């Protein structure tokens, strides 16, 4: 069985216990070397064969998996964050199914969650935003119809933008067509890594701040009033609010 593992956002301590157990006992490890922190593999078996998929194409990755399975080896495929988000692992899973090779997926902590932790913010604030949009700018890979950044921005929801920090000026200009120019923005470079960097501003000035900070890749952009300080208190802990586990008291 092939194990797809979400390696988390960078900090090796954010790797799940199950993911670490599988990596540490694997005979063959294929990891996304351009994004996964090598420290995630520090306790791998000395005799384990390790492949960096940053230098491989899909067919080469699949061949290593198929050969390892045929030899009865334990093979793990290590993706950054959680592979379900911009992980490109569906095509690998479908290919394994066609070959009759079984697999499993071990979820991981996505980088967008590490960003919220780094900022000490909550994406879903009552009275501010109850919707989180995960997306990216259109680049060399086109976006599906009705998923252009401008279309999604019309909701004015909390927006988390992957793979786009290198197009910050265009990104901020597009968003200002739907969001207020003073809408707060944060760019977090390598969330949870030792060299993590946070840049904060508004849609009006974030592009210049990011350029000044020298951030060109490996960063997430988060946009929305959740970054501000005004919001309604949750009813979950309101003493006057009754729910299944607690009876509210009269004010």
C-alpha atoms as a PDB file:
ATOM      1  CA  UNK A   1       0.000   0.000   0.000  1.00  0.00           C
ATOM      2  CA  UNK A   2       1.194   3.494  -0.880  1.00  0.00           C
ATOM      3  CA  UNK A   3       0.737   6.137   1.828  1.00  0.00           C
ATOM      4  CA  UNK A   4       0.151   9.733   0.779  1.00  0.00           C
ATOM      5  CA  UNK A   5       1.103  11.936   3.729  1.00  0.00           C
ATOM      6  CA  UNK A   6       0.418  15.572   4.429  1.00  0.00           C
ATOM      7  CA  UNK A   7       3.692  16.778   5.954  1.00  0.00           C
ATOM      8  CA  UNK A   8       2.235  19.959   7.418  1.00  0.00           C
ATOM      9  CA  UNK A   9       3.255  23.563   6.754  1.00  0.00           C
ATOM     10  CA  UNK A  10       6.938  23.308   7.630  1.00  0.00           C
ATOM     11  CA  UNK A  11       7.549  22.919  11.339  1.00  0.00           C
ATOM     12  CA  UNK A  12       8.364  19.190  11.717  1.00  0.00           C
ATOM     13  CA  UNK A  13       6.510  19.163  15.043  1.00  0.00           C
ATOM     14  CA  UNK A  14       3.304  19.849  13.098  1.00  0.00           C
ATOM     15  CA  UNK A  15       3.550  16.524  11.288  1.00  0.00           C
ATOM     16  CA  UNK A  16       0.805  14.195  12.541  1.00  0.00           C
ATOM     17  CA  UNK A  17       1.801  11.275  14.757  1.00  0.00           C
ATOM     18  CA  UNK A  18       0.485   8.832  12.158  1.00  0.00           C
ATOM     19  CA  UNK A  19       2.328  10.568   9.345  1.00  0.00           C
ATOM     20  CA  UNK A  20       5.599  10.535  11.279  1.00  0.00           C
ATOM     21  CA  UNK A  21       5.226   6.859  12.135  1.00  0.00           C
ATOM     22  CA  UNK A  22       4.763   5.966   8.488  1.00  0.00           C
ATOM     23  CA  UNK A  23       7.670   8.129   7.289  1.00  0.00           C
ATOM     24  CA  UNK A  24      10.027   6.801   9.948  1.00  0.00           C
ATOM     25  CA  UNK A  25       9.260   3.185   9.026  1.00  0.00           C
ATOM     26  CA  UNK A  26       9.195   3.602   5.238  1.00  0.00           C
ATOM     27  CA  UNK A  27      11.542   1.796   2.861  1.00  0.00           C
ATOM     28  CA  UNK A  28      10.982   4.304   0.043  1.00  0.00           C
ATOM     29  CA  UNK A  29      10.168   8.005   0.507  1.00  0.00           C
ATOM     30  CA  UNK A  30       9.144  10.335  -2.309  1.00  0.00           C
ATOM     31  CA  UNK A  31       8.852  13.899  -1.056  1.00  0.00           C
ATOM     32  CA  UNK A  32       8.149  17.297  -2.601  1.00  0.00           C
ATOM     33  CA  UNK A  33      11.597  18.716  -1.967  1.00  0.00           C
ATOM     34  CA  UNK A  34      10.785  22.228  -3.164  1.00  0.00           C
ATOM     35  CA  UNK A  35       8.267  22.673  -0.341  1.00  0.00           C
ATOM     36  CA  UNK A  36       8.582  19.989   2.336  1.00  0.00           C
ATOM     37  CA  UNK A  37      10.973  20.750   5.185  1.00  0.00           C
ATOM     38  CA  UNK A  38      13.749  18.093   5.036  1.00  0.00           C
ATOM     39  CA  UNK A  39      13.578  17.915   8.849  1.00  0.00           C
ATOM     40  CA  UNK A  40      10.324  15.996   8.415  1.00  0.00           C
ATOM     41  CA  UNK A  41      12.486  13.094   7.181  1.00  0.00           C
ATOM     42  CA  UNK A  42      15.203  13.334   9.846  1.00  0.00           C
ATOM     43  CA  UNK A  43      14.189  10.105  11.599  1.00  0.00           C
ATOM     44  CA  UNK A  44      13.800   8.019   8.443  1.00  0.00           C
ATOM     45  CA  UNK A  45      15.552   4.647   8.405  1.00  0.00           C
ATOM     46  CA  UNK A  46      19.205   4.979   7.323  1.00  0.00           C
ATOM     47  CA  UNK A  47      18.650   2.447   4.569  1.00  0.00           C
ATOM     48  CA  UNK A  48      15.496   4.141   3.241  1.00  0.00           C
ATOM     49  CA  UNK A  49      15.674   5.301  -0.382  1.00  0.00           C
ATOM     50  CA  UNK A  50      14.661   8.948  -0.634  1.00  0.00           C
ATOM     51  CA  UNK A  51      13.524  10.610  -3.872  1.00  0.00           C
ATOM     52  CA  UNK A  52      12.985  14.326  -4.368  1.00  0.00           C
ATOM     53  CA  UNK A  53       9.960  14.688  -6.645  1.00  0.00           C
ATOM     54  CA  UNK A  54      10.907  18.294  -7.482  1.00  0.00           C
ATOM     55  CA  UNK A  55      13.260  16.821 -10.094  1.00  0.00           C
ATOM     56  CA  UNK A  56      10.854  14.108 -11.284  1.00  0.00           C
ATOM     57  CA  UNK A  57       7.871  13.977 -13.629  1.00  0.00           C
ATOM     58  CA  UNK A  58       4.618  12.135 -12.948  1.00  0.00           C
ATOM     59  CA  UNK A  59       5.659   8.984 -14.793  1.00  0.00           C
ATOM     60  CA  UNK A  60       8.917   8.769 -12.837  1.00  0.00           C
ATOM     61  CA  UNK A  61       7.117   9.169  -9.515  1.00  0.00           C
ATOM     62  CA  UNK A  62       4.617   6.476 -10.425  1.00  0.00           C
ATOM     63  CA  UNK A  63       7.384   4.130 -11.555  1.00  0.00           C
ATOM     64  CA  UNK A  64       9.123   4.384  -8.178  1.00  0.00           C
ATOM     65  CA  UNK A  65       5.818   3.642  -6.449  1.00  0.00           C
ATOM     66  CA  UNK A  66       5.043   0.687  -8.727  1.00  0.00           C
ATOM     67  CA  UNK A  67       8.516  -0.817  -8.369  1.00  0.00           C
ATOM     68  CA  UNK A  68       8.452  -0.418  -4.599  1.00  0.00           C
ATOM     69  CA  UNK A  69       5.030  -2.046  -4.353  1.00  0.00           C
ATOM     70  CA  UNK A  70       6.170  -4.947  -6.535  1.00  0.00           C
ATOM     71  CA  UNK A  71       9.147  -5.501  -4.236  1.00  0.00           C
ATOM     72  CA  UNK A  72       6.952  -5.498  -1.135  1.00  0.00           C
ATOM     73  CA  UNK A  73       8.464  -2.246   0.131  1.00  0.00           C
ATOM     74  CA  UNK A  74       6.665   0.313   2.270  1.00  0.00           C
ATOM     75  CA  UNK A  75       6.338   3.427   0.085  1.00  0.00           C
ATOM     76  CA  UNK A  76       5.298   6.874   1.289  1.00  0.00           C
ATOM     77  CA  UNK A  77       4.564   9.934  -0.840  1.00  0.00           C
ATOM     78  CA  UNK A  78       5.103  13.087   1.216  1.00  0.00           C
ATOM     79  CA  UNK A  79       3.308  16.276   0.202  1.00  0.00           C
ATOM     80  CA  UNK A  80       3.467  19.694   1.810  1.00  0.00           C
ATOM     81  CA  UNK A  81       0.600  20.867   4.035  1.00  0.00           C
ATOM     82  CA  UNK A  82      -2.400  18.734   3.251  1.00  0.00           C
ATOM     83  CA  UNK A  83      -2.297  17.128  -0.195  1.00  0.00           C
ATOM     84  CA  UNK A  84      -5.995  17.833  -0.813  1.00  0.00           C
ATOM     85  CA  UNK A  85      -5.232  21.545  -1.380  1.00  0.00           C
ATOM     86  CA  UNK A  86      -3.152  22.270  -4.499  1.00  0.00           C
ATOM     87  CA  UNK A  87      -1.404  18.952  -3.908  1.00  0.00           C
ATOM     88  CA  UNK A  88      -1.740  17.437  -7.414  1.00  0.00           C
ATOM     89  CA  UNK A  89      -2.150  14.002  -5.852  1.00  0.00           C
ATOM     90  CA  UNK A  90      -5.480  13.070  -7.446  1.00  0.00           C
ATOM     91  CA  UNK A  91      -3.712  12.193 -10.712  1.00  0.00           C
ATOM     92  CA  UNK A  92      -1.315   9.956  -8.778  1.00  0.00           C
ATOM     93  CA  UNK A  93      -4.143   8.193  -6.955  1.00  0.00           C
ATOM     94  CA  UNK A  94      -6.100   7.637 -10.157  1.00  0.00           C
ATOM     95  CA  UNK A  95      -3.011   6.154 -11.834  1.00  0.00           C
ATOM     96  CA  UNK A  96      -2.484   3.790  -8.895  1.00  0.00           C
ATOM     97  CA  UNK A  97      -6.098   2.664  -9.126  1.00  0.00           C
ATOM     98  CA  UNK A  98      -5.665   1.888 -12.805  1.00  0.00           C
ATOM     99  CA  UNK A  99      -2.644  -0.229 -11.900  1.00  0.00           C
ATOM    100  CA  UNK A 100      -4.528  -2.008  -9.122  1.00  0.00           C
ATOM    101  CA  UNK A 101      -2.254  -0.616  -6.396  1.00  0.00           C
ATOM    102  CA  UNK A 102      -3.914   0.228  -3.094  1.00  0.00           C
ATOM    103  CA  UNK A 103      -3.204   3.486  -1.259  1.00  0.00           C
ATOM    104  CA  UNK A 104      -4.246   5.589   1.699  1.00  0.00           C
ATOM    105  CA  UNK A 105      -4.185   9.300   2.469  1.00  0.00           C
ATOM    106  CA  UNK A 106      -2.988  10.732   5.780  1.00  0.00           C
ATOM    107  CA  UNK A 107      -4.193  14.333   6.208  1.00  0.00           C
ATOM    108  CA  UNK A 108      -1.872  17.098   7.308  1.00  0.00           C
ATOM    109  CA  UNK A 109      -1.992  20.639   8.683  1.00  0.00           C
ATOM    110  CA  UNK A 110      -2.463  22.978   5.722  1.00  0.00           C
ATOM    111  CA  UNK A 111      -0.337  26.089   5.413  1.00  0.00           C
ATOM    112  CA  UNK A 112      -3.449  28.274   5.510  1.00  0.00           C
ATOM    113  CA  UNK A 113      -4.108  27.042   9.037  1.00  0.00           C
ATOM    114  CA  UNK A 114      -0.514  27.709  10.036  1.00  0.00           C
ATOM    115  CA  UNK A 115      -0.972  31.242   8.681  1.00  0.00           C
ATOM    116  CA  UNK A 116      -3.972  31.828  10.971  1.00  0.00           C
ATOM    117  CA  UNK A 117      -1.913  30.569  13.899  1.00  0.00           C
ATOM    118  CA  UNK A 118       1.022  32.824  12.993  1.00  0.00           C
ATOM    119  CA  UNK A 119      -1.290  35.832  12.773  1.00  0.00           C
ATOM    120  CA  UNK A 120      -3.220  34.798  15.903  1.00  0.00           C
ATOM    121  CA  UNK A 121      -6.457  35.358  14.022  1.00  0.00           C
ATOM    122  CA  UNK A 122      -9.718  33.507  13.349  1.00  0.00           C
ATOM    123  CA  UNK A 123     -10.940  33.361   9.766  1.00  0.00           C
ATOM    124  CA  UNK A 124     -14.628  33.088  10.678  1.00  0.00           C
ATOM    125  CA  UNK A 125     -15.762  35.942  12.919  1.00  0.00           C
ATOM    126  CA  UNK A 126     -19.464  36.499  13.728  1.00  0.00           C
ATOM    127  CA  UNK A 127     -20.787  39.555  11.951  1.00  0.00           C
ATOM    128  CA  UNK A 128     -17.638  39.800   9.794  1.00  0.00           C
ATOM    129  CA  UNK A 129     -17.213  36.646   7.720  1.00  0.00           C
ATOM    130  CA  UNK A 130     -18.531  33.115   7.936  1.00  0.00           C
ATOM    131  CA  UNK A 131     -17.094  32.012   4.607  1.00  0.00           C
ATOM    132  CA  UNK A 132     -13.498  31.196   3.694  1.00  0.00           C
ATOM    133  CA  UNK A 133     -12.442  31.065   0.053  1.00  0.00           C
ATOM    134  CA  UNK A 134      -9.237  29.215  -0.852  1.00  0.00           C
ATOM    135  CA  UNK A 135      -8.039  30.139  -4.324  1.00  0.00           C
ATOM    136  CA  UNK A 136      -5.166  31.471  -6.419  1.00  0.00           C
ATOM    137  CA  UNK A 137      -4.475  33.981  -9.161  1.00  0.00           C
ATOM    138  CA  UNK A 138      -4.726  32.821 -12.738  1.00  0.00           C
ATOM    139  CA  UNK A 139      -1.253  32.274 -14.119  1.00  0.00           C
ATOM    140  CA  UNK A 140       0.218  29.672 -16.464  1.00  0.00           C
ATOM    141  CA  UNK A 141      -2.582  27.350 -15.357  1.00  0.00           C
ATOM    142  CA  UNK A 142      -5.975  28.892 -16.212  1.00  0.00           C
ATOM    143  CA  UNK A 143      -8.851  29.125 -13.757  1.00  0.00           C
ATOM    144  CA  UNK A 144     -12.179  27.385 -14.446  1.00  0.00           C
ATOM    145  CA  UNK A 145     -15.108  29.531 -15.622  1.00  0.00           C
ATOM    146  CA  UNK A 146     -16.610  31.753 -12.884  1.00  0.00           C
ATOM    147  CA  UNK A 147     -13.594  31.213 -10.623  1.00  0.00           C
ATOM    148  CA  UNK A 148     -11.631  34.285 -11.659  1.00  0.00           C
ATOM    149  CA  UNK A 149     -10.338  36.194  -8.653  1.00  0.00           C
ATOM    150  CA  UNK A 150     -12.657  39.108  -9.443  1.00  0.00           C
ATOM    151  CA  UNK A 151     -15.697  36.791  -9.424  1.00  0.00           C
ATOM    152  CA  UNK A 152     -14.818  35.326  -6.041  1.00  0.00           C
ATOM    153  CA  UNK A 153     -13.979  38.723  -4.556  1.00  0.00           C
ATOM    154  CA  UNK A 154     -17.576  39.881  -5.018  1.00  0.00           C
ATOM    155  CA  UNK A 155     -18.505  37.892  -1.919  1.00  0.00           C
ATOM    156  CA  UNK A 156     -16.200  40.015   0.259  1.00  0.00           C
ATOM    157  CA  UNK A 157     -15.557  36.862   2.280  1.00  0.00           C
ATOM    158  CA  UNK A 158     -12.311  35.913   3.982  1.00  0.00           C
ATOM    159  CA  UNK A 159     -10.000  35.070   1.113  1.00  0.00           C
ATOM    160  CA  UNK A 160      -6.850  32.953   1.221  1.00  0.00           C
ATOM    161  CA  UNK A 161      -4.771  33.135  -1.930  1.00  0.00           C
ATOM    162  CA  UNK A 162      -2.158  30.496  -2.715  1.00  0.00           C
ATOM    163  CA  UNK A 163       0.601  30.517  -5.325  1.00  0.00           C
ATOM    164  CA  UNK A 164       0.204  34.193  -6.174  1.00  0.00           C
ATOM    165  CA  UNK A 165       2.559  36.343  -4.112  1.00  0.00           C
ATOM    166  CA  UNK A 166       4.702  36.946  -7.187  1.00  0.00           C
ATOM    167  CA  UNK A 167       1.748  38.767  -8.765  1.00  0.00           C
ATOM    168  CA  UNK A 168       0.922  40.927  -5.766  1.00  0.00           C
ATOM    169  CA  UNK A 169       0.424  44.190  -7.618  1.00  0.00           C
ATOM    170  CA  UNK A 170      -2.047  42.666 -10.051  1.00  0.00           C
ATOM    171  CA  UNK A 171      -3.726  40.746  -7.238  1.00  0.00           C
ATOM    172  CA  UNK A 172      -4.285  43.824  -5.097  1.00  0.00           C
ATOM    173  CA  UNK A 173      -5.563  45.834  -8.069  1.00  0.00           C
ATOM    174  CA  UNK A 174      -8.122  43.157  -8.943  1.00  0.00           C
ATOM    175  CA  UNK A 175      -9.321  42.811  -5.367  1.00  0.00           C
ATOM    176  CA  UNK A 176      -9.748  46.571  -4.979  1.00  0.00           C
ATOM    177  CA  UNK A 177     -12.467  46.387  -7.606  1.00  0.00           C
ATOM    178  CA  UNK A 178     -14.639  44.531  -5.063  1.00  0.00           C
ATOM    179  CA  UNK A 179     -13.075  45.088  -1.615  1.00  0.00           C
ATOM    180  CA  UNK A 180     -12.445  48.482   0.008  1.00  0.00           C
ATOM    181  CA  UNK A 181      -8.900  49.759  -0.689  1.00  0.00           C
ATOM    182  CA  UNK A 182      -8.315  49.860   3.075  1.00  0.00           C
ATOM    183  CA  UNK A 183      -9.273  46.201   3.549  1.00  0.00           C
ATOM    184  CA  UNK A 184      -6.544  44.606   5.692  1.00  0.00           C
ATOM    185  CA  UNK A 185      -4.172  42.115   4.117  1.00  0.00           C
ATOM    186  CA  UNK A 186      -1.425  39.882   5.477  1.00  0.00           C
ATOM    187  CA  UNK A 187       1.255  37.998   3.572  1.00  0.00           C
ATOM    188  CA  UNK A 188       2.940  35.187   5.483  1.00  0.00           C
ATOM    189  CA  UNK A 189       6.144  33.725   4.093  1.00  0.00           C
ATOM    190  CA  UNK A 190       6.884  30.093   5.088  1.00  0.00           C
ATOM    191  CA  UNK A 191       4.399  29.925   7.936  1.00  0.00           C
ATOM    192  CA  UNK A 192       5.725  27.901  10.908  1.00  0.00           C
ATOM    193  CA  UNK A 193       9.283  27.674   9.496  1.00  0.00           C
ATOM    194  CA  UNK A 194      12.189  29.168  11.437  1.00  0.00           C
ATOM    195  CA  UNK A 195      12.515  31.922   8.832  1.00  0.00           C
ATOM    196  CA  UNK A 196       8.817  32.768   8.821  1.00  0.00           C
ATOM    197  CA  UNK A 197       8.090  36.362   7.825  1.00  0.00           C
ATOM    198  CA  UNK A 198       4.860  38.359   8.159  1.00  0.00           C
ATOM    199  CA  UNK A 199       3.995  41.482   6.181  1.00  0.00           C
ATOM    200  CA  UNK A 200       0.758  43.336   6.946  1.00  0.00           C
ATOM    201  CA  UNK A 201      -0.961  46.235   5.256  1.00  0.00           C
ATOM    202  CA  UNK A 202      -4.024  47.032   3.165  1.00  0.00           C
ATOM    203  CA  UNK A 203      -4.972  46.312  -0.410  1.00  0.00           C
ATOM    204  CA  UNK A 204      -3.764  49.816  -1.187  1.00  0.00           C
ATOM    205  CA  UNK A 205      -0.185  49.347   0.017  1.00  0.00           C
ATOM    206  CA  UNK A 206       0.526  45.617   0.401  1.00  0.00           C
ATOM    207  CA  UNK A 207       2.215  45.207  -2.999  1.00  0.00           C
ATOM    208  CA  UNK A 208       4.912  47.739  -2.142  1.00  0.00           C
ATOM    209  CA  UNK A 209       5.469  46.243   1.307  1.00  0.00           C
ATOM    210  CA  UNK A 210       5.849  42.727  -0.104  1.00  0.00           C
ATOM    211  CA  UNK A 211       8.314  43.952  -2.725  1.00  0.00           C
ATOM    212  CA  UNK A 212      10.316  45.762  -0.048  1.00  0.00           C
ATOM    213  CA  UNK A 213      10.402  42.583   2.051  1.00  0.00           C
ATOM    214  CA  UNK A 214      11.769  40.628  -0.914  1.00  0.00           C
ATOM    215  CA  UNK A 215       9.038  37.983  -0.816  1.00  0.00           C
ATOM    216  CA  UNK A 216       8.573  36.350  -4.218  1.00  0.00           C
ATOM    217  CA  UNK A 217       7.299  32.832  -3.482  1.00  0.00           C
ATOM    218  CA  UNK A 218       6.370  30.314  -0.750  1.00  0.00           C
ATOM    219  CA  UNK A 219       3.884  32.696   0.860  1.00  0.00           C
ATOM    220  CA  UNK A 220       0.141  32.934   1.362  1.00  0.00           C
ATOM    221  CA  UNK A 221      -1.929  36.098   1.071  1.00  0.00           C
ATOM    222  CA  UNK A 222      -4.961  36.466   3.327  1.00  0.00           C
ATOM    223  CA  UNK A 223      -7.521  39.213   2.829  1.00  0.00           C
ATOM    224  CA  UNK A 224     -10.495  40.365   4.853  1.00  0.00           C
ATOM    225  CA  UNK A 225     -11.849  42.233   7.824  1.00  0.00           C
ATOM    226  CA  UNK A 226     -11.188  39.214  10.044  1.00  0.00           C
ATOM    227  CA  UNK A 227      -7.753  40.817  10.389  1.00  0.00           C
ATOM    228  CA  UNK A 228      -9.379  43.785  12.116  1.00  0.00           C
ATOM    229  CA  UNK A 229     -10.582  44.117  15.691  1.00  0.00           C
ATOM    230  CA  UNK A 230     -14.330  44.624  15.275  1.00  0.00           C
ATOM    231  CA  UNK A 231     -16.653  41.617  15.432  1.00  0.00           C
ATOM    232  CA  UNK A 232     -19.659  40.242  17.292  1.00  0.00           C
ATOM    233  CA  UNK A 233     -19.245  37.838  20.195  1.00  0.00           C
ATOM    234  CA  UNK A 234     -20.104  34.234  19.448  1.00  0.00           C
ATOM    235  CA  UNK A 235     -23.471  32.959  20.675  1.00  0.00           C
ATOM    236  CA  UNK A 236     -21.804  29.656  21.525  1.00  0.00           C
ATOM    237  CA  UNK A 237     -20.568  31.027  24.842  1.00  0.00           C
ATOM    238  CA  UNK A 238     -23.223  33.697  25.370  1.00  0.00           C
ATOM    239  CA  UNK A 239     -24.719  33.060  28.812  1.00  0.00           C
ATOM    240  CA  UNK A 240     -28.180  34.048  27.553  1.00  0.00           C
ATOM    241  CA  UNK A 241     -28.098  31.616  24.615  1.00  0.00           C
ATOM    242  CA  UNK A 242     -29.609  28.151  25.021  1.00  0.00           C
ATOM    243  CA  UNK A 243     -28.278  25.147  23.118  1.00  0.00           C
ATOM    244  CA  UNK A 244     -28.188  21.361  23.472  1.00  0.00           C
ATOM    245  CA  UNK A 245     -25.615  21.329  26.289  1.00  0.00           C
ATOM    246  CA  UNK A 246     -26.472  24.455  28.252  1.00  0.00           C
ATOM    247  CA  UNK A 247     -29.574  26.412  29.224  1.00  0.00           C
ATOM    248  CA  UNK A 248     -29.225  30.148  28.887  1.00  0.00           C
ATOM    249  CA  UNK A 249     -30.022  32.519  31.706  1.00  0.00           C
ATOM    250  CA  UNK A 250     -32.254  35.563  31.459  1.00  0.00           C
ATOM    251  CA  UNK A 251     -30.300  38.801  31.035  1.00  0.00           C
END
